[in-house]
Amino acid sequence: MACEKPFKVKIGRAGQAQIQKGLCLYTGSALGRGASSLEKRVSRHYRKNKRIKWHVDFLTVRPEIVVKMAVCLESPERFECQISQLITSKLHAKPVILHAGATDCSCDGHLLFLRFAGDIGKVLSMLEQIYSPFGRSFRL
């Protein structure tokens, strides 16, 4: 998700966050069927008009945020904690706010901010390297 203009937002019970110009990255899982399937979850993130259900929704509904791309991994296992930790360490990302997107685990967060101005292709290349050990990834 790209943020072109800084803004403040309350992210549920997690609290108030100051979103800066840069990229926001969310790592989650979609192991269900129907509305919980991978395809439905990803398409939901692109929509502005929706009921706010998850922490990431507080960002994706905002006019300052543009969902640029989704990098997906098909797997029956949950890898979002490991992937989020790798994104934090390898891309020097920080949680948007502590525990955002990660209320069901002990991670610092799965909704991350990356101060970035430049070629998004470099970020995508790094993301593909991060995802590759876990299985086949693809971009949408």
N, C-alpha and C. Protein backbone atom coordinates (compact mmCIF):
# COMPACT_ATOMS: atom_id res chain seq x y z
N MET A 1 0.85 -1.16 0.00
CA MET A 1 0.00 0.00 0.00
C MET A 1 0.90 1.22 0.00
N ALA A 2 0.60 2.16 -0.86
CA ALA A 2 1.39 3.39 -0.92
C ALA A 2 0.65 4.52 -0.23
N CYS A 3 1.38 5.27 0.57
CA CYS A 3 0.84 6.46 1.21
C CYS A 3 1.58 7.66 0.64
N GLU A 4 0.87 8.50 -0.08
CA GLU A 4 1.49 9.67 -0.70
C GLU A 4 1.42 10.91 0.18
N LYS A 5 0.53 10.89 1.18
CA LYS A 5 0.31 12.06 2.04
C LYS A 5 0.15 11.59 3.48
N PRO A 6 0.94 12.11 4.42
CA PRO A 6 0.84 11.69 5.82
C PRO A 6 -0.54 11.96 6.41
N PHE A 7 -0.96 11.11 7.35
CA PHE A 7 -2.23 11.31 8.05
C PHE A 7 -2.21 10.56 9.37
N LYS A 8 -3.13 10.93 10.26
CA LYS A 8 -3.31 10.24 11.53
C LYS A 8 -4.56 9.41 11.42
N VAL A 9 -4.53 8.24 12.07
CA VAL A 9 -5.69 7.34 12.03
C VAL A 9 -5.74 6.54 13.33
N LYS A 10 -6.94 6.33 13.82
CA LYS A 10 -7.12 5.45 14.97
C LYS A 10 -7.32 4.04 14.41
N ILE A 11 -6.51 3.11 14.85
CA ILE A 11 -6.57 1.74 14.37
C ILE A 11 -7.18 0.88 15.47
N GLY A 12 -8.49 0.87 15.53
CA GLY A 12 -9.22 0.09 16.52
C GLY A 12 -8.70 0.34 17.92
N ARG A 13 -8.64 -0.73 18.70
CA ARG A 13 -8.14 -0.63 20.07
C ARG A 13 -6.63 -0.54 20.15
N ALA A 14 -5.95 -0.73 19.02
CA ALA A 14 -4.48 -0.62 19.00
C ALA A 14 -4.04 0.81 19.28
N GLY A 15 -4.87 1.78 18.88
CA GLY A 15 -4.57 3.17 19.18
C GLY A 15 -4.35 4.04 17.95
N GLN A 16 -3.89 5.25 18.23
CA GLN A 16 -3.66 6.28 17.21
C GLN A 16 -2.32 6.04 16.53
N ALA A 17 -2.30 6.14 15.20
CA ALA A 17 -1.06 5.97 14.44
C ALA A 17 -0.85 7.15 13.51
N GLN A 18 0.38 7.55 13.38
CA GLN A 18 0.76 8.58 12.42
C GLN A 18 1.37 7.84 11.22
N ILE A 19 0.68 7.90 10.10
CA ILE A 19 1.14 7.23 8.89
C ILE A 19 1.92 8.25 8.05
N GLN A 20 3.14 7.91 7.74
CA GLN A 20 4.02 8.79 6.97
C GLN A 20 3.99 8.40 5.49
N LYS A 21 4.57 9.26 4.69
CA LYS A 21 4.73 8.95 3.27
C LYS A 21 5.65 7.75 3.14
N GLY A 22 5.23 6.76 2.37
CA GLY A 22 6.02 5.55 2.19
C GLY A 22 5.11 4.38 1.86
N LEU A 23 5.52 3.19 2.25
CA LEU A 23 4.75 1.99 1.96
C LEU A 23 4.28 1.33 3.25
N CYS A 24 3.07 0.83 3.24
CA CYS A 24 2.55 0.03 4.33
C CYS A 24 2.42 -1.40 3.80
N LEU A 25 2.89 -2.34 4.57
CA LEU A 25 2.88 -3.74 4.16
C LEU A 25 2.08 -4.53 5.20
N TYR A 26 1.19 -5.37 4.73
CA TYR A 26 0.39 -6.19 5.64
C TYR A 26 0.62 -7.65 5.31
N THR A 27 0.85 -8.44 6.34
CA THR A 27 1.02 -9.88 6.16
C THR A 27 -0.09 -10.57 6.93
N GLY A 28 -0.88 -11.36 6.24
CA GLY A 28 -1.99 -12.08 6.87
C GLY A 28 -2.16 -13.44 6.24
N SER A 29 -3.19 -14.13 6.71
CA SER A 29 -3.47 -15.45 6.14
C SER A 29 -4.92 -15.50 5.68
N ALA A 30 -5.18 -16.39 4.77
CA ALA A 30 -6.53 -16.60 4.24
C ALA A 30 -6.67 -18.09 3.96
N LEU A 31 -6.95 -18.84 5.00
CA LEU A 31 -7.00 -20.30 4.86
C LEU A 31 -8.42 -20.84 4.70
N GLY A 32 -9.38 -19.95 4.68
CA GLY A 32 -10.77 -20.39 4.62
C GLY A 32 -11.30 -20.54 3.22
N ARG A 33 -12.61 -20.70 3.15
CA ARG A 33 -13.34 -20.80 1.88
C ARG A 33 -14.29 -19.62 1.79
N GLY A 34 -14.87 -19.43 0.61
CA GLY A 34 -15.85 -18.36 0.44
C GLY A 34 -15.24 -17.00 0.71
N ALA A 35 -15.86 -16.21 1.62
CA ALA A 35 -15.40 -14.86 1.92
C ALA A 35 -14.02 -14.86 2.58
N SER A 36 -13.59 -15.99 3.12
CA SER A 36 -12.28 -16.08 3.77
C SER A 36 -11.20 -16.64 2.86
N SER A 37 -11.54 -16.90 1.60
CA SER A 37 -10.55 -17.45 0.66
C SER A 37 -9.52 -16.38 0.29
N LEU A 38 -8.40 -16.83 -0.23
CA LEU A 38 -7.33 -15.93 -0.64
C LEU A 38 -7.85 -14.89 -1.64
N GLU A 39 -8.55 -15.32 -2.65
CA GLU A 39 -9.04 -14.41 -3.68
C GLU A 39 -9.96 -13.35 -3.10
N LYS A 40 -10.88 -13.75 -2.23
CA LYS A 40 -11.83 -12.81 -1.63
C LYS A 40 -11.13 -11.85 -0.68
N ARG A 41 -10.19 -12.35 0.11
CA ARG A 41 -9.47 -11.48 1.05
C ARG A 41 -8.68 -10.43 0.28
N VAL A 42 -7.96 -10.85 -0.74
CA VAL A 42 -7.14 -9.90 -1.50
C VAL A 42 -8.02 -8.87 -2.19
N SER A 43 -9.08 -9.31 -2.85
CA SER A 43 -9.96 -8.35 -3.54
C SER A 43 -10.60 -7.38 -2.54
N ARG A 44 -10.87 -7.84 -1.34
CA ARG A 44 -11.45 -6.98 -0.30
C ARG A 44 -10.48 -5.85 0.06
N HIS A 45 -9.19 -6.14 0.11
CA HIS A 45 -8.21 -5.11 0.46
C HIS A 45 -8.16 -3.99 -0.58
N TYR A 46 -8.51 -4.28 -1.81
CA TYR A 46 -8.51 -3.26 -2.86
C TYR A 46 -9.73 -2.34 -2.80
N ARG A 47 -10.79 -2.78 -2.15
CA ARG A 47 -12.04 -1.99 -2.08
C ARG A 47 -11.95 -0.91 -1.02
N LYS A 48 -12.47 0.27 -1.33
CA LYS A 48 -12.55 1.36 -0.36
C LYS A 48 -13.84 1.26 0.46
N ASN A 49 -14.90 0.82 -0.16
CA ASN A 49 -16.21 0.76 0.50
C ASN A 49 -16.41 -0.63 1.11
N LYS A 50 -16.23 -0.71 2.44
CA LYS A 50 -16.38 -1.98 3.14
C LYS A 50 -16.55 -1.69 4.62
N ARG A 51 -17.05 -2.66 5.33
CA ARG A 51 -17.14 -2.57 6.78
C ARG A 51 -15.74 -2.83 7.33
N ILE A 52 -15.31 -2.01 8.25
CA ILE A 52 -13.99 -2.18 8.84
C ILE A 52 -14.04 -3.36 9.80
N LYS A 53 -13.22 -4.37 9.49
CA LYS A 53 -13.21 -5.62 10.25
C LYS A 53 -11.84 -5.91 10.85
N TRP A 54 -10.78 -5.63 10.11
CA TRP A 54 -9.41 -5.90 10.53
C TRP A 54 -8.62 -4.61 10.61
N HIS A 55 -7.49 -4.64 11.32
CA HIS A 55 -6.66 -3.45 11.45
C HIS A 55 -6.27 -2.87 10.10
N VAL A 56 -5.94 -3.70 9.15
CA VAL A 56 -5.52 -3.22 7.83
C VAL A 56 -6.64 -2.42 7.15
N ASP A 57 -7.89 -2.71 7.47
CA ASP A 57 -9.02 -1.97 6.88
C ASP A 57 -9.00 -0.50 7.24
N PHE A 58 -8.49 -0.15 8.41
CA PHE A 58 -8.41 1.25 8.82
C PHE A 58 -7.53 2.05 7.87
N LEU A 59 -6.61 1.37 7.20
CA LEU A 59 -5.76 2.03 6.20
C LEU A 59 -6.35 1.94 4.81
N THR A 60 -6.79 0.76 4.41
CA THR A 60 -7.22 0.57 3.02
C THR A 60 -8.44 1.38 2.64
N VAL A 61 -9.24 1.83 3.61
CA VAL A 61 -10.41 2.67 3.29
C VAL A 61 -10.04 4.13 3.11
N ARG A 62 -8.85 4.50 3.51
CA ARG A 62 -8.43 5.90 3.48
C ARG A 62 -8.10 6.37 2.07
N PRO A 63 -8.46 7.64 1.74
CA PRO A 63 -8.13 8.16 0.40
C PRO A 63 -6.62 8.35 0.19
N GLU A 64 -5.85 8.49 1.29
CA GLU A 64 -4.41 8.69 1.18
C GLU A 64 -3.67 7.40 0.84
N ILE A 65 -4.34 6.27 0.96
CA ILE A 65 -3.73 4.96 0.73
C ILE A 65 -4.19 4.38 -0.60
N VAL A 66 -3.23 3.90 -1.38
CA VAL A 66 -3.54 3.20 -2.62
C VAL A 66 -2.93 1.81 -2.53
N VAL A 67 -3.78 0.79 -2.62
CA VAL A 67 -3.28 -0.58 -2.62
C VAL A 67 -2.68 -0.82 -4.00
N LYS A 68 -1.38 -1.03 -4.02
CA LYS A 68 -0.65 -1.17 -5.29
C LYS A 68 -0.57 -2.61 -5.77
N MET A 69 -0.32 -3.52 -4.83
CA MET A 69 -0.09 -4.89 -5.25
C MET A 69 -0.20 -5.82 -4.05
N ALA A 70 -0.48 -7.07 -4.34
CA ALA A 70 -0.47 -8.12 -3.31
C ALA A 70 0.52 -9.19 -3.73
N VAL A 71 1.36 -9.58 -2.81
CA VAL A 71 2.26 -10.71 -3.02
C VAL A 71 1.67 -11.83 -2.19
N CYS A 72 1.32 -12.92 -2.85
CA CYS A 72 0.60 -14.01 -2.19
C CYS A 72 1.44 -15.28 -2.18
N LEU A 73 1.14 -16.10 -1.20
CA LEU A 73 1.81 -17.38 -1.05
C LEU A 73 0.72 -18.42 -0.83
N GLU A 74 0.69 -19.42 -1.67
CA GLU A 74 -0.28 -20.50 -1.49
C GLU A 74 0.34 -21.56 -0.59
N SER A 75 -0.29 -21.75 0.57
CA SER A 75 0.20 -22.74 1.52
C SER A 75 -0.92 -23.08 2.50
N PRO A 76 -0.99 -24.32 2.93
CA PRO A 76 -1.98 -24.68 3.95
C PRO A 76 -1.52 -24.28 5.36
N GLU A 77 -0.30 -23.76 5.47
CA GLU A 77 0.25 -23.38 6.77
C GLU A 77 0.26 -21.87 6.93
N ARG A 78 0.31 -21.43 8.18
CA ARG A 78 0.36 -20.01 8.51
C ARG A 78 1.82 -19.59 8.66
N PHE A 79 2.28 -18.72 7.77
CA PHE A 79 3.65 -18.24 7.81
C PHE A 79 3.73 -16.74 8.07
N GLU A 80 2.60 -16.09 8.36
CA GLU A 80 2.62 -14.63 8.45
C GLU A 80 3.55 -14.10 9.53
N CYS A 81 3.71 -14.79 10.64
CA CYS A 81 4.62 -14.32 11.69
C CYS A 81 6.07 -14.33 11.20
N GLN A 82 6.49 -15.44 10.61
CA GLN A 82 7.87 -15.54 10.12
C GLN A 82 8.13 -14.54 8.99
N ILE A 83 7.17 -14.42 8.08
CA ILE A 83 7.34 -13.50 6.95
C ILE A 83 7.38 -12.06 7.45
N SER A 84 6.51 -11.71 8.36
CA SER A 84 6.50 -10.36 8.91
C SER A 84 7.81 -10.03 9.62
N GLN A 85 8.34 -11.00 10.35
CA GLN A 85 9.63 -10.78 11.03
C GLN A 85 10.77 -10.60 10.03
N LEU A 86 10.74 -11.35 8.93
CA LEU A 86 11.76 -11.19 7.89
C LEU A 86 11.64 -9.83 7.19
N ILE A 87 10.42 -9.39 6.93
CA ILE A 87 10.22 -8.07 6.32
C ILE A 87 10.76 -6.99 7.25
N THR A 88 10.50 -7.14 8.55
CA THR A 88 10.99 -6.18 9.53
C THR A 88 12.52 -6.12 9.52
N SER A 89 13.15 -7.28 9.52
CA SER A 89 14.62 -7.28 9.59
C SER A 89 15.29 -6.95 8.26
N LYS A 90 14.83 -7.52 7.16
CA LYS A 90 15.51 -7.33 5.88
C LYS A 90 15.19 -6.00 5.20
N LEU A 91 13.97 -5.49 5.41
CA LEU A 91 13.58 -4.21 4.79
C LEU A 91 13.57 -3.06 5.79
N HIS A 92 13.93 -3.36 7.03
CA HIS A 92 13.95 -2.35 8.10
C HIS A 92 12.59 -1.68 8.27
N ALA A 93 11.54 -2.48 8.16
CA ALA A 93 10.17 -1.99 8.36
C ALA A 93 9.87 -1.92 9.86
N LYS A 94 8.91 -1.10 10.21
CA LYS A 94 8.49 -0.94 11.61
C LYS A 94 6.98 -1.12 11.69
N PRO A 95 6.48 -1.62 12.81
CA PRO A 95 5.01 -1.71 12.95
C PRO A 95 4.38 -0.32 12.85
N VAL A 96 3.27 -0.22 12.14
CA VAL A 96 2.51 1.02 12.06
C VAL A 96 2.16 1.48 13.47
N ILE A 97 1.74 0.53 14.28
CA ILE A 97 1.49 0.71 15.70
C ILE A 97 1.65 -0.68 16.32
N LEU A 98 2.13 -0.75 17.53
CA LEU A 98 2.43 -2.02 18.16
C LEU A 98 1.24 -2.98 18.12
N HIS A 99 1.47 -4.17 17.65
CA HIS A 99 0.53 -5.30 17.55
C HIS A 99 -0.56 -5.13 16.49
N ALA A 100 -0.51 -4.09 15.67
CA ALA A 100 -1.50 -3.92 14.61
C ALA A 100 -1.39 -5.08 13.63
N GLY A 101 -2.52 -5.70 13.33
CA GLY A 101 -2.57 -6.83 12.41
C GLY A 101 -2.09 -8.13 13.01
N ALA A 102 -1.76 -8.11 14.31
CA ALA A 102 -1.18 -9.30 14.95
C ALA A 102 -1.75 -9.51 16.35
N THR A 103 -3.05 -9.38 16.47
CA THR A 103 -3.68 -9.53 17.80
C THR A 103 -3.77 -10.98 18.24
N ASP A 104 -3.60 -11.92 17.31
CA ASP A 104 -3.72 -13.34 17.65
C ASP A 104 -2.36 -14.02 17.81
N CYS A 105 -1.29 -13.22 17.96
CA CYS A 105 0.04 -13.79 18.16
C CYS A 105 0.85 -12.82 19.02
N SER A 106 2.12 -13.12 19.23
CA SER A 106 2.95 -12.27 20.08
C SER A 106 3.89 -11.37 19.28
N CYS A 107 3.68 -11.25 17.99
CA CYS A 107 4.52 -10.40 17.14
C CYS A 107 4.31 -8.92 17.47
N ASP A 108 5.31 -8.10 17.12
CA ASP A 108 5.17 -6.65 17.28
C ASP A 108 4.13 -6.08 16.33
N GLY A 109 3.89 -6.76 15.23
CA GLY A 109 2.88 -6.31 14.28
C GLY A 109 3.03 -6.98 12.93
N HIS A 110 1.91 -7.08 12.22
CA HIS A 110 1.91 -7.59 10.85
C HIS A 110 1.51 -6.49 9.88
N LEU A 111 1.20 -5.32 10.40
CA LEU A 111 0.89 -4.14 9.60
C LEU A 111 2.09 -3.21 9.77
N LEU A 112 2.92 -3.18 8.74
CA LEU A 112 4.24 -2.56 8.84
C LEU A 112 4.37 -1.33 7.96
N PHE A 113 5.26 -0.43 8.36
CA PHE A 113 5.55 0.77 7.59
C PHE A 113 6.99 0.70 7.10
N LEU A 114 7.18 1.10 5.86
CA LEU A 114 8.50 1.13 5.24
C LEU A 114 8.69 2.50 4.61
N ARG A 115 9.61 3.28 5.17
CA ARG A 115 9.91 4.59 4.58
C ARG A 115 10.62 4.32 3.26
N PHE A 116 9.98 4.72 2.18
CA PHE A 116 10.52 4.34 0.88
C PHE A 116 10.10 5.34 -0.18
N ALA A 117 11.03 5.80 -0.95
CA ALA A 117 10.75 6.64 -2.12
C ALA A 117 11.71 6.16 -3.19
N GLY A 118 11.17 5.54 -4.19
CA GLY A 118 12.04 5.02 -5.25
C GLY A 118 11.35 3.96 -6.06
N ASP A 119 12.14 3.08 -6.58
CA ASP A 119 11.66 2.02 -7.46
C ASP A 119 11.01 0.91 -6.64
N ILE A 120 9.71 0.76 -6.78
CA ILE A 120 8.98 -0.27 -6.04
C ILE A 120 9.41 -1.67 -6.48
N GLY A 121 10.01 -1.76 -7.65
CA GLY A 121 10.52 -3.04 -8.14
C GLY A 121 11.56 -3.64 -7.21
N LYS A 122 12.36 -2.80 -6.57
CA LYS A 122 13.37 -3.29 -5.62
C LYS A 122 12.70 -3.90 -4.39
N VAL A 123 11.65 -3.26 -3.92
CA VAL A 123 10.91 -3.79 -2.77
C VAL A 123 10.26 -5.12 -3.15
N LEU A 124 9.66 -5.19 -4.32
CA LEU A 124 9.03 -6.43 -4.77
C LEU A 124 10.05 -7.55 -4.91
N SER A 125 11.21 -7.23 -5.41
CA SER A 125 12.27 -8.23 -5.53
C SER A 125 12.66 -8.77 -4.15
N MET A 126 12.81 -7.88 -3.18
CA MET A 126 13.13 -8.31 -1.81
C MET A 126 12.00 -9.15 -1.22
N LEU A 127 10.75 -8.74 -1.46
CA LEU A 127 9.61 -9.50 -0.94
C LEU A 127 9.58 -10.91 -1.53
N GLU A 128 9.86 -11.02 -2.82
CA GLU A 128 9.88 -12.34 -3.44
C GLU A 128 10.99 -13.21 -2.85
N GLN A 129 12.13 -12.62 -2.53
CA GLN A 129 13.21 -13.36 -1.87
C GLN A 129 12.78 -13.81 -0.48
N ILE A 130 12.06 -12.95 0.22
CA ILE A 130 11.58 -13.28 1.57
C ILE A 130 10.56 -14.41 1.50
N TYR A 131 9.63 -14.34 0.56
CA TYR A 131 8.57 -15.33 0.45
C TYR A 131 9.04 -16.67 -0.12
N SER A 132 10.04 -16.67 -0.97
CA SER A 132 10.42 -17.87 -1.73
C SER A 132 10.73 -19.12 -0.88
N PRO A 133 11.37 -19.01 0.29
CA PRO A 133 11.63 -20.24 1.05
C PRO A 133 10.35 -20.93 1.59
N PHE A 134 9.25 -20.20 1.58
CA PHE A 134 8.00 -20.74 2.13
C PHE A 134 7.11 -21.41 1.09
N GLY A 135 7.44 -21.27 -0.18
CA GLY A 135 6.62 -21.88 -1.23
C GLY A 135 6.52 -20.96 -2.42
N ARG A 136 5.61 -21.30 -3.30
CA ARG A 136 5.42 -20.54 -4.52
C ARG A 136 4.66 -19.25 -4.24
N SER A 137 5.26 -18.11 -4.58
CA SER A 137 4.59 -16.83 -4.41
C SER A 137 4.25 -16.26 -5.78
N PHE A 138 3.29 -15.35 -5.79
CA PHE A 138 2.91 -14.69 -7.02
C PHE A 138 2.38 -13.31 -6.71
N ARG A 139 2.43 -12.43 -7.71
CA ARG A 139 1.96 -11.05 -7.55
C ARG A 139 0.60 -10.89 -8.20
N LEU A 140 -0.20 -10.02 -7.60
CA LEU A 140 -1.49 -9.65 -8.20
C LEU A 140 -1.50 -8.18 -8.51
